Amino acid sequence: MMKIEEVIKKVISDFQTNPERFWNERDIHWSLFYYLKQAQISGEVYPTQLIRAEFPTLKVFSGNRPARGHYDLVIINEESYNKPEVQNMKAQASWEDYLPLIKIDVAIEIKLWLNRLQINAMKERAGWDIQKLTDTPNNIQNAYFLNFVQLDFKRVQNRMYYQQLRNYLREQKRKHTELNILCVTSDPQFQSTSQNWLD
């Protein structure tokens, strides 16, 4: 998924060049969508048919009211999308009929960390995205969890918080080796680019 990582590099560059431009996660979604559309990720005439926001998970998660989660952004596998049984479905077809036929080439979850949270709240917020990307059953080929951290790194408590976030994400990466986890700061002088992707 070289093209995806090239696109993500462009978003990182925008984020570090002008972090104040990103007020919320939706701003990062739009930048990512813009660069994906430009990258010609498929031969599809209208590639936006394959790039979808808030796309539902195959898995229904239990709870008081069992429901599907939603990925921030997906790229649907072109071959599965073009199958006659998918193309002939009505727009109102149920997810139970549609989702088992679709493969997702790339699923992306995005977090913009603007404030320090209590550690448990931080883990809960990140943990839900990791769960959506890794729990089975799923129909994902490549999963990306992108964390953009926009804090004042001159302040010691912000640097400490950032380290706690990185440590938590690194633990998750060890548990879920198939998950691509990015953790990038708004201040490029605070961390070298080689440390953006966790291993």
C-alpha atoms as a PDB file:
ATOM      1  CA  MET A   1       0.000   0.000   0.000  1.00  0.00           C
ATOM      2  CA  MET A   2       2.760   2.347  -1.024  1.00  0.00           C
ATOM      3  CA  LYS A   3       0.354   4.939  -2.463  1.00  0.00           C
ATOM      4  CA  ILE A   4      -1.514   5.168   0.836  1.00  0.00           C
ATOM      5  CA  GLU A   5       1.645   5.849   2.787  1.00  0.00           C
ATOM      6  CA  GLU A   6       2.710   8.483   0.237  1.00  0.00           C
ATOM      7  CA  VAL A   7      -0.672  10.173   0.690  1.00  0.00           C
ATOM      8  CA  ILE A   8      -0.317  10.028   4.488  1.00  0.00           C
ATOM      9  CA  LYS A   9       3.128  11.687   4.151  1.00  0.00           C
ATOM     10  CA  LYS A  10       1.460  14.641   2.431  1.00  0.00           C
ATOM     11  CA  VAL A  11      -1.058  14.994   5.255  1.00  0.00           C
ATOM     12  CA  ILE A  12       1.778  14.820   7.806  1.00  0.00           C
ATOM     13  CA  SER A  13       3.632  17.554   5.927  1.00  0.00           C
ATOM     14  CA  ASP A  14       0.519  19.783   5.921  1.00  0.00           C
ATOM     15  CA  PHE A  15      -0.048  19.091   9.613  1.00  0.00           C
ATOM     16  CA  GLN A  16       3.497  19.963  10.613  1.00  0.00           C
ATOM     17  CA  THR A  17       3.756  22.985   8.304  1.00  0.00           C
ATOM     18  CA  ASN A  18       0.554  24.575   9.531  1.00  0.00           C
ATOM     19  CA  PRO A  19      -0.917  22.705  12.529  1.00  0.00           C
ATOM     20  CA  GLU A  20      -3.322  25.529  13.408  1.00  0.00           C
ATOM     21  CA  ARG A  21      -5.168  24.817  10.174  1.00  0.00           C
ATOM     22  CA  PHE A  22      -6.419  21.543  11.679  1.00  0.00           C
ATOM     23  CA  TRP A  23      -9.165  22.406  14.151  1.00  0.00           C
ATOM     24  CA  ASN A  24     -10.654  18.916  14.421  1.00  0.00           C
ATOM     25  CA  GLU A  25     -10.379  15.383  13.075  1.00  0.00           C
ATOM     26  CA  ARG A  26     -12.710  16.175  10.197  1.00  0.00           C
ATOM     27  CA  ASP A  27     -10.097  18.582   8.801  1.00  0.00           C
ATOM     28  CA  ILE A  28      -7.609  15.698   8.622  1.00  0.00           C
ATOM     29  CA  HIS A  29     -10.261  13.492   6.980  1.00  0.00           C
ATOM     30  CA  TRP A  30     -10.793  16.078   4.251  1.00  0.00           C
ATOM     31  CA  SER A  31      -7.059  16.441   3.585  1.00  0.00           C
ATOM     32  CA  LEU A  32      -6.652  12.695   3.373  1.00  0.00           C
ATOM     33  CA  PHE A  33      -9.658  12.392   1.068  1.00  0.00           C
ATOM     34  CA  TYR A  34      -8.298  15.175  -1.180  1.00  0.00           C
ATOM     35  CA  TYR A  35      -4.899  13.509  -1.575  1.00  0.00           C
ATOM     36  CA  LEU A  36      -6.421  10.036  -2.054  1.00  0.00           C
ATOM     37  CA  LYS A  37      -8.599  11.362  -4.861  1.00  0.00           C
ATOM     38  CA  GLN A  38      -5.525  12.892  -6.532  1.00  0.00           C
ATOM     39  CA  ALA A  39      -3.455   9.715  -6.122  1.00  0.00           C
ATOM     40  CA  GLN A  40      -5.525   7.713  -8.635  1.00  0.00           C
ATOM     41  CA  ILE A  41      -5.762   4.716  -6.365  1.00  0.00           C
ATOM     42  CA  SER A  42      -7.708   2.755  -8.985  1.00  0.00           C
ATOM     43  CA  GLY A  43      -8.773   2.691 -12.605  1.00  0.00           C
ATOM     44  CA  GLU A  44     -12.292   3.601 -11.526  1.00  0.00           C
ATOM     45  CA  VAL A  45     -13.627   6.632 -13.437  1.00  0.00           C
ATOM     46  CA  TYR A  46     -15.170   7.978 -10.235  1.00  0.00           C
ATOM     47  CA  PRO A  47     -12.695   6.894  -7.535  1.00  0.00           C
ATOM     48  CA  THR A  48     -14.873   8.510  -4.887  1.00  0.00           C
ATOM     49  CA  GLN A  49     -17.165   5.484  -5.233  1.00  0.00           C
ATOM     50  CA  LEU A  50     -14.362   3.449  -3.678  1.00  0.00           C
ATOM     51  CA  ILE A  51     -13.324   6.025  -1.054  1.00  0.00           C
ATOM     52  CA  ARG A  52     -16.003   6.141   1.616  1.00  0.00           C
ATOM     53  CA  ALA A  53     -16.318   7.995   4.915  1.00  0.00           C
ATOM     54  CA  GLU A  54     -18.019   6.568   8.015  1.00  0.00           C
ATOM     55  CA  PHE A  55     -18.229   3.110   6.456  1.00  0.00           C
ATOM     56  CA  PRO A  56     -19.778   0.435   8.709  1.00  0.00           C
ATOM     57  CA  THR A  57     -17.865  -2.475  10.184  1.00  0.00           C
ATOM     58  CA  LEU A  58     -18.676  -6.023   9.219  1.00  0.00           C
ATOM     59  CA  LYS A  59     -18.799  -6.924  12.905  1.00  0.00           C
ATOM     60  CA  VAL A  60     -21.774  -6.002  15.066  1.00  0.00           C
ATOM     61  CA  PHE A  61     -20.430  -5.010  18.493  1.00  0.00           C
ATOM     62  CA  SER A  62     -22.282  -6.115  21.613  1.00  0.00           C
ATOM     63  CA  GLY A  63     -23.528  -3.764  24.297  1.00  0.00           C
ATOM     64  CA  ASN A  64     -26.816  -2.368  25.568  1.00  0.00           C
ATOM     65  CA  ARG A  65     -27.785  -1.785  21.959  1.00  0.00           C
ATOM     66  CA  PRO A  66     -25.682  -4.011  19.651  1.00  0.00           C
ATOM     67  CA  ALA A  67     -24.547  -2.023  16.609  1.00  0.00           C
ATOM     68  CA  ARG A  68     -21.884  -1.759  13.959  1.00  0.00           C
ATOM     69  CA  GLY A  69     -18.971   0.624  14.380  1.00  0.00           C
ATOM     70  CA  HIS A  70     -17.877   2.948  11.574  1.00  0.00           C
ATOM     71  CA  TYR A  71     -14.432   3.477  10.059  1.00  0.00           C
ATOM     72  CA  ASP A  72     -13.415   7.088   9.456  1.00  0.00           C
ATOM     73  CA  LEU A  73     -12.365   6.319   5.891  1.00  0.00           C
ATOM     74  CA  VAL A  74     -12.115   3.213   3.719  1.00  0.00           C
ATOM     75  CA  ILE A  75     -10.969   2.310   0.255  1.00  0.00           C
ATOM     76  CA  ILE A  76     -13.195  -0.449  -1.061  1.00  0.00           C
ATOM     77  CA  ASN A  77     -11.575  -3.211  -3.109  1.00  0.00           C
ATOM     78  CA  GLU A  78     -12.427  -2.457  -6.726  1.00  0.00           C
ATOM     79  CA  GLU A  79     -12.923  -6.077  -7.762  1.00  0.00           C
ATOM     80  CA  SER A  80     -15.373  -6.827  -4.945  1.00  0.00           C
ATOM     81  CA  TYR A  81     -17.218  -3.550  -5.598  1.00  0.00           C
ATOM     82  CA  ASN A  82     -17.660  -4.377  -9.305  1.00  0.00           C
ATOM     83  CA  LYS A  83     -19.138  -7.848  -8.747  1.00  0.00           C
ATOM     84  CA  PRO A  84     -22.548  -8.085 -10.471  1.00  0.00           C
ATOM     85  CA  GLU A  85     -24.273  -9.079  -7.210  1.00  0.00           C
ATOM     86  CA  VAL A  86     -22.987  -5.862  -5.605  1.00  0.00           C
ATOM     87  CA  GLN A  87     -23.686  -3.608  -8.586  1.00  0.00           C
ATOM     88  CA  ASN A  88     -27.216  -4.980  -8.936  1.00  0.00           C
ATOM     89  CA  MET A  89     -28.124  -4.328  -5.295  1.00  0.00           C
ATOM     90  CA  LYS A  90     -30.652  -1.653  -4.507  1.00  0.00           C
ATOM     91  CA  ALA A  91     -29.312   1.409  -2.690  1.00  0.00           C
ATOM     92  CA  GLN A  92     -31.522   0.458   0.263  1.00  0.00           C
ATOM     93  CA  ALA A  93     -30.099  -3.087   0.563  1.00  0.00           C
ATOM     94  CA  SER A  94     -29.310  -4.133   4.124  1.00  0.00           C
ATOM     95  CA  TRP A  95     -25.752  -4.094   5.464  1.00  0.00           C
ATOM     96  CA  GLU A  96     -26.188  -7.803   6.246  1.00  0.00           C
ATOM     97  CA  ASP A  97     -26.498  -8.455   2.498  1.00  0.00           C
ATOM     98  CA  TYR A  98     -23.925  -5.928   1.299  1.00  0.00           C
ATOM     99  CA  LEU A  99     -20.972  -6.042   3.713  1.00  0.00           C
ATOM    100  CA  PRO A 100     -20.088  -9.772   3.431  1.00  0.00           C
ATOM    101  CA  LEU A 101     -19.578  -9.262  -0.331  1.00  0.00           C
ATOM    102  CA  ILE A 102     -17.261  -6.252   0.049  1.00  0.00           C
ATOM    103  CA  LYS A 103     -13.550  -6.359   0.763  1.00  0.00           C
ATOM    104  CA  ILE A 104     -11.864  -3.267   2.146  1.00  0.00           C
ATOM    105  CA  ASP A 105      -8.372  -2.625   0.780  1.00  0.00           C
ATOM    106  CA  VAL A 106      -7.695   0.044   3.414  1.00  0.00           C
ATOM    107  CA  ALA A 107      -9.521   1.059   6.598  1.00  0.00           C
ATOM    108  CA  ILE A 108      -8.357   4.190   8.425  1.00  0.00           C
ATOM    109  CA  GLU A 109      -9.126   5.578  11.858  1.00  0.00           C
ATOM    110  CA  ILE A 110      -7.877   9.069  12.727  1.00  0.00           C
ATOM    111  CA  LYS A 111      -7.312  10.754  16.073  1.00  0.00           C
ATOM    112  CA  LEU A 112      -6.376  14.399  16.607  1.00  0.00           C
ATOM    113  CA  TRP A 113      -5.075  14.853  20.146  1.00  0.00           C
ATOM    114  CA  LEU A 114      -5.606  18.504  21.093  1.00  0.00           C
ATOM    115  CA  ASN A 115      -5.846  18.148  24.872  1.00  0.00           C
ATOM    116  CA  ARG A 116      -4.384  16.022  27.593  1.00  0.00           C
ATOM    117  CA  LEU A 117      -6.905  13.459  28.767  1.00  0.00           C
ATOM    118  CA  GLN A 118      -6.894  11.255  31.827  1.00  0.00           C
ATOM    119  CA  ILE A 119      -4.940   8.101  30.947  1.00  0.00           C
ATOM    120  CA  ASN A 120      -8.036   5.902  31.153  1.00  0.00           C
ATOM    121  CA  ALA A 121      -9.977   8.268  28.871  1.00  0.00           C
ATOM    122  CA  MET A 122      -7.071   8.320  26.400  1.00  0.00           C
ATOM    123  CA  LYS A 123      -6.896   4.519  26.365  1.00  0.00           C
ATOM    124  CA  GLU A 124     -10.656   4.240  25.955  1.00  0.00           C
ATOM    125  CA  ARG A 125     -10.698   6.732  23.078  1.00  0.00           C
ATOM    126  CA  ALA A 126      -7.836   5.042  21.223  1.00  0.00           C
ATOM    127  CA  GLY A 127      -8.879   1.533  22.230  1.00  0.00           C
ATOM    128  CA  TRP A 128     -12.249   1.739  20.501  1.00  0.00           C
ATOM    129  CA  ASP A 129     -10.613   2.609  17.166  1.00  0.00           C
ATOM    130  CA  ILE A 130      -8.083  -0.197  17.565  1.00  0.00           C
ATOM    131  CA  GLN A 131     -10.883  -2.630  18.363  1.00  0.00           C
ATOM    132  CA  LYS A 132     -12.813  -1.667  15.204  1.00  0.00           C
ATOM    133  CA  LEU A 133      -9.700  -2.141  13.073  1.00  0.00           C
ATOM    134  CA  THR A 134      -8.569  -5.457  14.562  1.00  0.00           C
ATOM    135  CA  ASP A 135     -11.543  -7.414  15.909  1.00  0.00           C
ATOM    136  CA  THR A 136     -12.807 -10.303  13.825  1.00  0.00           C
ATOM    137  CA  PRO A 137     -14.782 -10.892  11.790  1.00  0.00           C
ATOM    138  CA  ASN A 138     -13.696  -8.076   9.514  1.00  0.00           C
ATOM    139  CA  ASN A 139     -13.147  -7.625   5.795  1.00  0.00           C
ATOM    140  CA  ILE A 140     -10.032  -5.392   5.966  1.00  0.00           C
ATOM    141  CA  GLN A 141      -6.827  -6.055   4.045  1.00  0.00           C
ATOM    142  CA  ASN A 142      -4.800  -3.124   5.494  1.00  0.00           C
ATOM    143  CA  ALA A 143      -5.616  -1.227   8.695  1.00  0.00           C
ATOM    144  CA  TYR A 144      -4.209   2.193   9.635  1.00  0.00           C
ATOM    145  CA  PHE A 145      -4.562   4.042  12.936  1.00  0.00           C
ATOM    146  CA  LEU A 146      -3.334   7.624  12.448  1.00  0.00           C
ATOM    147  CA  ASN A 147      -2.647   9.755  15.519  1.00  0.00           C
ATOM    148  CA  PHE A 148      -1.890  13.454  15.077  1.00  0.00           C
ATOM    149  CA  VAL A 149      -0.779  15.180  18.286  1.00  0.00           C
ATOM    150  CA  GLN A 150      -1.186  18.962  18.429  1.00  0.00           C
ATOM    151  CA  LEU A 151       0.079  20.073  21.835  1.00  0.00           C
ATOM    152  CA  ASP A 152       2.411  22.774  23.097  1.00  0.00           C
ATOM    153  CA  PHE A 153       5.569  20.666  23.372  1.00  0.00           C
ATOM    154  CA  LYS A 154       7.416  23.411  25.255  1.00  0.00           C
ATOM    155  CA  ARG A 155       5.363  22.390  28.307  1.00  0.00           C
ATOM    156  CA  VAL A 156       6.768  19.459  30.271  1.00  0.00           C
ATOM    157  CA  GLN A 157       3.352  17.975  31.098  1.00  0.00           C
ATOM    158  CA  ASN A 158       2.457  17.862  27.388  1.00  0.00           C
ATOM    159  CA  ARG A 159       5.689  16.077  26.546  1.00  0.00           C
ATOM    160  CA  MET A 160       4.990  13.575  29.329  1.00  0.00           C
ATOM    161  CA  TYR A 161       1.454  13.024  28.086  1.00  0.00           C
ATOM    162  CA  TYR A 162       2.697  12.483  24.559  1.00  0.00           C
ATOM    163  CA  GLN A 163       5.156   9.855  25.827  1.00  0.00           C
ATOM    164  CA  GLN A 164       2.326   8.061  27.663  1.00  0.00           C
ATOM    165  CA  LEU A 165       0.258   8.059  24.484  1.00  0.00           C
ATOM    166  CA  ARG A 166       3.169   6.686  22.449  1.00  0.00           C
ATOM    167  CA  ASN A 167       3.858   3.989  25.034  1.00  0.00           C
ATOM    168  CA  TYR A 168       0.224   2.891  24.978  1.00  0.00           C
ATOM    169  CA  LEU A 169       0.165   2.836  21.169  1.00  0.00           C
ATOM    170  CA  ARG A 170       3.433   0.895  21.081  1.00  0.00           C
ATOM    171  CA  GLU A 171       1.905  -1.744  23.414  1.00  0.00           C
ATOM    172  CA  GLN A 172      -1.060  -2.007  21.058  1.00  0.00           C
ATOM    173  CA  LYS A 173       1.228  -2.391  18.064  1.00  0.00           C
ATOM    174  CA  ARG A 174       2.950  -5.330  19.788  1.00  0.00           C
ATOM    175  CA  LYS A 175      -0.444  -6.974  20.332  1.00  0.00           C
ATOM    176  CA  HIS A 176      -1.700  -6.203  16.820  1.00  0.00           C
ATOM    177  CA  THR A 177       1.321  -6.499  14.555  1.00  0.00           C
ATOM    178  CA  GLU A 178      -0.842  -6.256  11.422  1.00  0.00           C
ATOM    179  CA  LEU A 179      -2.060  -2.772  12.428  1.00  0.00           C
ATOM    180  CA  ASN A 180      -0.143   0.224  11.011  1.00  0.00           C
ATOM    181  CA  ILE A 181       0.056   2.862  13.755  1.00  0.00           C
ATOM    182  CA  LEU A 182       1.216   6.428  13.132  1.00  0.00           C
ATOM    183  CA  CYS A 183       1.933   8.876  15.950  1.00  0.00           C
ATOM    184  CA  VAL A 184       3.097  12.254  14.676  1.00  0.00           C
ATOM    185  CA  THR A 185       3.604  15.573  16.451  1.00  0.00           C
ATOM    186  CA  SER A 186       2.650  19.037  15.266  1.00  0.00           C
ATOM    187  CA  ASP A 187       6.225  20.085  16.064  1.00  0.00           C
ATOM    188  CA  PRO A 188       8.626  18.371  13.628  1.00  0.00           C
ATOM    189  CA  GLN A 189      11.610  19.394  15.768  1.00  0.00           C
ATOM    190  CA  PHE A 190      10.306  17.376  18.696  1.00  0.00           C
ATOM    191  CA  GLN A 191      10.517  13.995  16.960  1.00  0.00           C
ATOM    192  CA  SER A 192      12.377  12.692  13.925  1.00  0.00           C
ATOM    193  CA  THR A 193      10.261  11.526  10.987  1.00  0.00           C
ATOM    194  CA  SER A 194      11.696   8.007  11.321  1.00  0.00           C
ATOM    195  CA  GLN A 195       9.741   7.678  14.586  1.00  0.00           C
ATOM    196  CA  ASN A 196       6.330   8.535  13.114  1.00  0.00           C
ATOM    197  CA  TRP A 197       5.414   4.889  12.440  1.00  0.00           C
ATOM    198  CA  LEU A 198       5.486   2.620  15.461  1.00  0.00           C
ATOM    199  CA  ASP A 199       7.046  -0.817  15.284  1.00  0.00           C
END
